[in-house]
Protein backbone atom coordinates (compact mmCIF):
# COMPACT_ATOMS: atom_id res chain seq x y z
CA MET A 1 -19.33 -2.90 6.87
CA HIS A 2 -20.31 -1.31 10.16
CA GLY A 3 -18.77 2.12 10.76
CA THR A 4 -18.65 3.18 7.11
CA ARG A 5 -20.19 6.35 5.72
CA GLN A 6 -23.02 4.22 4.29
CA GLN A 7 -23.57 2.38 7.61
CA PRO A 8 -22.42 4.68 10.42
CA ILE A 9 -22.36 3.53 14.02
CA ARG A 10 -25.34 5.04 15.84
CA VAL A 11 -24.61 6.88 19.09
CA ALA A 12 -26.76 9.03 21.37
CA SER A 13 -24.21 11.81 21.89
CA SER A 14 -20.99 13.17 20.42
CA SER A 15 -19.37 12.70 23.84
CA VAL A 16 -19.30 8.91 23.34
CA VAL A 17 -17.91 8.89 19.77
CA GLU A 18 -14.23 8.71 20.74
CA VAL A 19 -14.91 6.25 23.58
CA ARG A 20 -16.70 3.90 21.19
CA ALA A 21 -14.05 4.31 18.46
CA SER A 22 -11.13 3.53 20.77
CA ALA A 23 -12.89 0.41 22.11
CA LEU A 24 -13.38 -1.19 18.67
CA VAL A 25 -11.09 -3.98 17.46
CA CYS A 26 -9.37 -3.57 14.10
CA PRO A 27 -10.98 -5.86 11.50
CA SER A 28 -7.68 -6.14 9.58
CA CYS A 29 -5.63 -7.81 12.33
CA GLY A 30 -8.40 -8.79 14.76
CA ILE A 31 -6.18 -7.88 17.72
CA GLY A 32 -5.54 -4.15 18.04
CA THR A 33 -7.76 -1.35 19.23
CA TYR A 34 -7.72 2.11 17.72
CA ARG A 35 -5.75 5.26 18.48
CA ILE A 36 -7.72 8.42 17.62
CA GLU A 37 -6.01 10.75 15.14
CA ASP A 38 -8.83 13.20 14.35
CA HIS A 39 -12.54 13.73 15.06
CA VAL A 40 -14.43 15.85 12.52
CA ALA A 41 -18.07 16.92 12.23
CA SER A 42 -18.92 16.02 8.63
CA GLY A 43 -22.45 17.36 8.50
CA PRO A 44 -25.51 17.56 10.73
CA GLY A 45 -25.39 14.58 13.09
CA LEU A 46 -22.50 12.91 11.25
CA ARG A 47 -18.98 12.44 12.64
CA ARG A 48 -15.83 11.04 11.02
CA VAL A 49 -13.09 9.70 13.28
CA ASP A 50 -9.71 8.98 11.71
CA VAL A 51 -7.92 6.19 13.56
CA HIS A 52 -4.88 3.90 13.38
CA CYS A 53 -4.72 0.38 14.78
CA ARG A 54 -2.41 0.20 17.81
CA TYR A 55 -1.21 -3.28 16.71
CA CYS A 56 -0.92 -3.30 12.89
CA SER A 57 -0.96 0.50 12.33
CA ARG A 58 -3.58 0.26 9.58
CA PRO A 59 -5.46 3.56 9.15
CA ARG A 60 -9.24 3.72 8.94
CA ALA A 61 -12.01 6.30 8.95
CA LEU A 62 -14.91 5.40 11.24
CA TRP A 63 -18.29 7.07 10.77
CA PHE A 64 -20.84 7.78 13.46
CA ARG A 65 -24.43 9.06 13.29
CA LEU A 66 -25.77 11.04 16.27
CA VAL A 67 -29.24 9.72 17.07
CA PRO A 68 -30.77 11.14 20.27
CA PRO A 69 -32.56 8.58 22.43
CA SER A 70 -36.30 8.45 21.96
CA GLU A 71 -38.37 10.27 24.52
CA PRO A 72 -40.62 8.05 26.66
CA ASN A 73 -44.27 7.86 25.57
């Protein structure tokens, strides 16, 4: 599943982590978006965002990997 620790969502900067997390739709209900509860650095380039669905209230931890954009050749 996308957004797990094994398959984190790739982002270019930590400044977009919460924006991306709050825009995702809950896979449990398919309706609600997420409310951010906590944002934790869990290692070099790895972020965990604890969220709750605004519709069904189901909690979830989303994982993100910081991957800087490639420099032009």
